[in-house]
Amino acid sequence: MNSIKSFSDLAQCGRLEVHLVGGFSDDRQLSQKLTHQLLSEFDRQEDDIHLVTLCVTELNDREENENHFPIIYGIAVNIKTAEIYRASFQDRGPEEELRAARALAGGPMISIYDAKTEQLRIGPYSWMPFPHVDFWLQQDDKQILENLSTSPLAEPPHFVEHIRSTLMFLKKYPTPTHTLFPGNKALLYKKNEDGLWEKITAPGS
């Protein structure tokens, strides 16, 4: 909220709008709990917030052979027209394995994009060595899917391959602070004229 409001300090009109998309009727009801937490948090805000889109849990659920799946897995927003549309992403941005490793190792959700500088700021991160990493790497696809996913039946096809590569990364870098972040500094990326992410190299490095 503070990040959004910092861009509209001088605005004389307008309103705060929320679009919630995601989750489905999963067996563990994790989507329902998360949706309730989000709505409760918005309700606690002092600002007037207008809920414009709500496509969550049962409203984003389809059933196939008695199994539940999300209808929409991902969305994108055209920031010039405010159009919201379904999207899938082949390119998941810089340092994907590093970011995935941090998440699998239990790191909390954070925003890595600084809209004011238009840069991605990644890290520095630290994590403890992943427990039993060799054991998990020896497991078959079924075991990984059933034990390392919150919704095994609804995962996209690349899920197991993604988890395996992330586990390999965690094995290679059990303590990442000094090896992946020289001088304990963040990795910075900015888009070039072609719209591709480029690493920003600090002077003298």
Protein backbone atom coordinates (compact mmCIF):
# COMPACT_ATOMS: atom_id res chain seq x y z
CA MET A 1 0.00 0.00 0.00
CA ASN A 2 2.77 2.44 0.89
CA SER A 3 4.58 1.66 -2.34
CA ILE A 4 1.47 2.33 -4.43
CA LYS A 5 0.60 5.51 -2.54
CA SER A 6 4.14 6.88 -2.88
CA PHE A 7 3.49 7.28 -6.62
CA SER A 8 0.33 9.30 -6.13
CA ASP A 9 1.36 11.80 -3.45
CA LEU A 10 0.56 14.70 -5.76
CA ALA A 11 -2.64 13.23 -7.23
CA GLN A 12 -5.74 15.32 -6.68
CA CYS A 13 -8.19 12.58 -7.61
CA GLY A 14 -8.44 8.87 -8.23
CA ARG A 15 -8.95 5.85 -6.01
CA LEU A 16 -7.17 2.73 -4.81
CA GLU A 17 -8.36 -0.33 -6.69
CA VAL A 18 -7.66 -4.00 -5.94
CA HIS A 19 -7.76 -6.93 -8.35
CA LEU A 20 -7.51 -10.40 -6.75
CA VAL A 21 -6.97 -13.32 -9.11
CA GLY A 22 -5.78 -16.83 -8.27
CA GLY A 23 -6.26 -19.86 -6.12
CA PHE A 24 -8.95 -22.51 -6.55
CA SER A 25 -10.89 -25.03 -4.46
CA ASP A 26 -7.85 -27.03 -3.40
CA ASP A 27 -8.15 -30.04 -1.10
CA ARG A 28 -6.35 -28.35 1.78
CA GLN A 29 -8.39 -25.14 1.44
CA LEU A 30 -5.18 -23.11 1.36
CA SER A 31 -6.65 -20.79 -1.27
CA GLN A 32 -9.68 -20.03 0.91
CA LYS A 33 -7.48 -19.23 3.91
CA LEU A 34 -5.16 -16.99 1.89
CA THR A 35 -8.09 -15.16 0.28
CA HIS A 36 -9.63 -14.55 3.70
CA GLN A 37 -6.32 -13.22 5.04
CA LEU A 38 -5.93 -10.86 2.09
CA LEU A 39 -9.46 -9.50 2.30
CA SER A 40 -9.16 -9.06 6.07
CA GLU A 41 -5.89 -7.16 5.62
CA PHE A 42 -7.40 -4.82 3.04
CA ASP A 43 -10.37 -4.30 5.35
CA ARG A 44 -7.98 -3.14 8.11
CA GLN A 45 -6.46 -0.40 5.95
CA GLU A 46 -7.36 3.19 6.76
CA ASP A 47 -7.71 4.09 3.07
CA ASP A 48 -10.83 3.51 1.01
CA ILE A 49 -10.09 0.52 -1.21
CA HIS A 50 -12.31 -0.51 -4.11
CA LEU A 51 -12.41 -4.22 -4.93
CA VAL A 52 -12.77 -4.29 -8.72
CA THR A 53 -11.92 -7.87 -9.64
CA LEU A 54 -12.43 -10.99 -7.54
CA CYS A 55 -11.57 -14.20 -9.37
CA VAL A 56 -10.47 -16.51 -6.57
CA THR A 57 -11.12 -19.92 -4.98
CA GLU A 58 -14.53 -21.20 -6.19
CA LEU A 59 -14.74 -18.42 -8.79
CA ASN A 60 -11.48 -19.60 -10.37
CA ASP A 61 -12.17 -23.33 -10.12
CA ARG A 62 -12.91 -26.00 -12.68
CA GLU A 63 -13.52 -29.69 -12.03
CA GLU A 64 -12.24 -32.53 -14.18
CA ASN A 65 -12.64 -36.21 -13.23
CA GLU A 66 -13.51 -35.12 -9.67
CA ASN A 67 -10.23 -33.19 -9.42
CA HIS A 68 -10.07 -29.42 -9.05
CA PHE A 69 -7.88 -27.09 -11.13
CA PRO A 70 -7.49 -23.32 -11.45
CA ILE A 71 -9.06 -21.78 -14.53
CA ILE A 72 -6.50 -18.97 -14.57
CA TYR A 73 -2.88 -19.68 -13.57
CA GLY A 74 -1.44 -16.26 -14.33
CA ILE A 75 -2.40 -12.76 -15.42
CA ALA A 76 -0.68 -9.74 -16.94
CA VAL A 77 -1.64 -6.07 -16.90
CA ASN A 78 -1.18 -3.60 -19.72
CA ILE A 79 -0.14 -0.58 -17.66
CA LYS A 80 -1.04 1.85 -20.48
CA THR A 81 -4.63 0.64 -20.96
CA ALA A 82 -5.22 -1.08 -17.58
CA GLU A 83 -6.40 -4.18 -19.46
CA ILE A 84 -6.02 -7.40 -17.46
CA TYR A 85 -5.67 -10.65 -19.38
CA ARG A 86 -4.72 -14.29 -18.90
CA ALA A 87 -1.05 -14.97 -19.46
CA SER A 88 1.62 -17.62 -19.25
CA PHE A 89 5.30 -16.79 -19.05
CA GLN A 90 8.13 -18.61 -20.81
CA ASP A 91 10.74 -16.19 -19.49
CA ARG A 92 10.62 -15.86 -15.70
CA GLY A 93 13.24 -13.14 -15.45
CA PRO A 94 16.83 -12.89 -14.22
CA GLU A 95 18.29 -15.27 -11.63
CA GLU A 96 15.27 -17.58 -11.74
CA GLU A 97 17.08 -20.49 -10.03
CA LEU A 98 18.42 -18.22 -7.32
CA ARG A 99 14.98 -16.75 -6.59
CA ALA A 100 13.35 -20.19 -6.65
CA ALA A 101 16.00 -21.57 -4.28
CA ARG A 102 15.30 -18.80 -1.78
CA ALA A 103 11.57 -19.58 -1.91
CA LEU A 104 12.05 -23.35 -1.57
CA ALA A 105 14.39 -22.75 1.38
CA GLY A 106 11.56 -20.96 3.17
CA GLY A 107 12.13 -17.30 2.35
CA PRO A 108 9.05 -15.04 2.69
CA MET A 109 7.41 -13.47 -0.34
CA ILE A 110 8.99 -10.15 -1.32
CA SER A 111 8.86 -7.69 -4.21
CA ILE A 112 12.14 -7.47 -6.13
CA TYR A 113 11.10 -4.66 -8.50
CA ASP A 114 11.77 -1.04 -7.60
CA ALA A 115 9.36 0.99 -9.73
CA LYS A 116 11.09 4.28 -8.98
CA THR A 117 14.48 3.16 -10.29
CA GLU A 118 12.91 0.65 -12.74
CA GLN A 119 15.36 -1.94 -11.52
CA LEU A 120 15.21 -5.50 -10.22
CA ARG A 121 17.04 -5.80 -6.91
CA ILE A 122 17.81 -9.45 -6.10
CA GLY A 123 19.30 -10.27 -2.71
CA PRO A 124 21.51 -10.49 -0.91
CA TYR A 125 19.89 -13.68 0.39
CA SER A 126 20.96 -16.23 2.95
CA TRP A 127 19.54 -19.64 3.76
CA MET A 128 20.43 -22.70 5.76
CA PRO A 129 21.57 -25.83 3.87
CA PHE A 130 18.42 -27.53 2.53
CA PRO A 131 17.63 -30.59 4.71
CA HIS A 132 18.07 -33.99 3.04
CA VAL A 133 18.71 -32.45 -0.39
CA ASP A 134 20.35 -35.66 -1.70
CA PHE A 135 17.39 -37.72 -0.52
CA TRP A 136 14.94 -35.51 -2.43
CA LEU A 137 17.07 -35.57 -5.57
CA GLN A 138 16.89 -39.38 -5.55
CA GLN A 139 13.08 -39.43 -5.44
CA ASP A 140 10.94 -40.09 -8.51
CA ASP A 141 8.61 -37.50 -10.04
CA LYS A 142 5.57 -38.80 -8.16
CA GLN A 143 7.24 -38.41 -4.75
CA ILE A 144 8.46 -34.90 -5.52
CA LEU A 145 5.05 -33.86 -6.79
CA GLU A 146 3.18 -35.30 -3.80
CA ASN A 147 5.56 -33.97 -1.14
CA LEU A 148 6.88 -30.66 -2.45
CA SER A 149 3.70 -29.22 -3.92
CA THR A 150 0.72 -27.72 -2.12
CA SER A 151 -1.57 -28.87 -4.98
CA PRO A 152 0.00 -31.90 -6.72
CA LEU A 153 -2.82 -32.50 -9.20
CA ALA A 154 -2.97 -28.91 -10.38
CA GLU A 155 0.70 -28.20 -11.06
CA PRO A 156 1.81 -27.23 -14.59
CA PRO A 157 3.87 -29.79 -16.55
CA HIS A 158 7.24 -28.17 -15.80
CA PHE A 159 6.80 -28.27 -11.99
CA VAL A 160 8.90 -31.37 -11.17
CA GLU A 161 11.72 -30.36 -13.51
CA HIS A 162 11.70 -26.90 -11.91
CA ILE A 163 11.90 -28.39 -8.38
CA ARG A 164 14.75 -30.71 -9.37
CA SER A 165 16.83 -27.87 -10.83
CA THR A 166 16.11 -25.77 -7.72
CA LEU A 167 17.25 -28.61 -5.44
CA MET A 168 20.44 -28.95 -7.50
CA PHE A 169 21.02 -25.22 -7.05
CA LEU A 170 20.53 -25.50 -3.28
CA LYS A 171 22.99 -28.40 -3.19
CA LYS A 172 25.56 -26.40 -5.16
CA TYR A 173 25.13 -23.28 -3.00
CA PRO A 174 24.30 -24.39 0.57
CA THR A 175 25.36 -20.99 1.97
CA PRO A 176 24.92 -18.40 -0.79
CA THR A 177 25.77 -15.10 0.90
CA HIS A 178 29.43 -14.82 -0.14
CA THR A 179 29.46 -17.03 -3.22
CA LEU A 180 26.46 -15.51 -5.03
CA PHE A 181 26.57 -11.98 -3.64
CA PRO A 182 30.15 -10.61 -3.78
CA GLY A 183 30.64 -8.00 -1.11
CA ASN A 184 27.20 -8.93 0.24
CA LYS A 185 25.62 -6.65 -2.39
CA ALA A 186 22.38 -7.06 -4.32
CA LEU A 187 22.34 -8.14 -7.97
CA LEU A 188 20.79 -5.33 -10.02
CA TYR A 189 19.06 -5.58 -13.41
CA LYS A 190 17.52 -2.95 -15.68
CA LYS A 191 15.76 -3.29 -19.03
CA ASN A 192 17.64 -2.18 -22.14
CA GLU A 193 16.19 -0.48 -25.22
CA ASP A 194 15.03 -3.86 -26.58
CA GLY A 195 13.05 -4.58 -23.41
CA LEU A 196 15.48 -7.26 -22.20
CA TRP A 197 16.91 -7.43 -18.69
CA GLU A 198 20.59 -6.54 -18.42
CA LYS A 199 22.78 -6.84 -15.35
CA ILE A 200 24.06 -3.55 -13.94
CA THR A 201 27.76 -3.79 -13.22
CA ALA A 202 29.03 -1.64 -10.38
CA PRO A 203 32.03 0.60 -11.18
CA GLY A 204 35.31 -1.19 -10.57
CA SER A 205 33.81 -4.70 -10.60
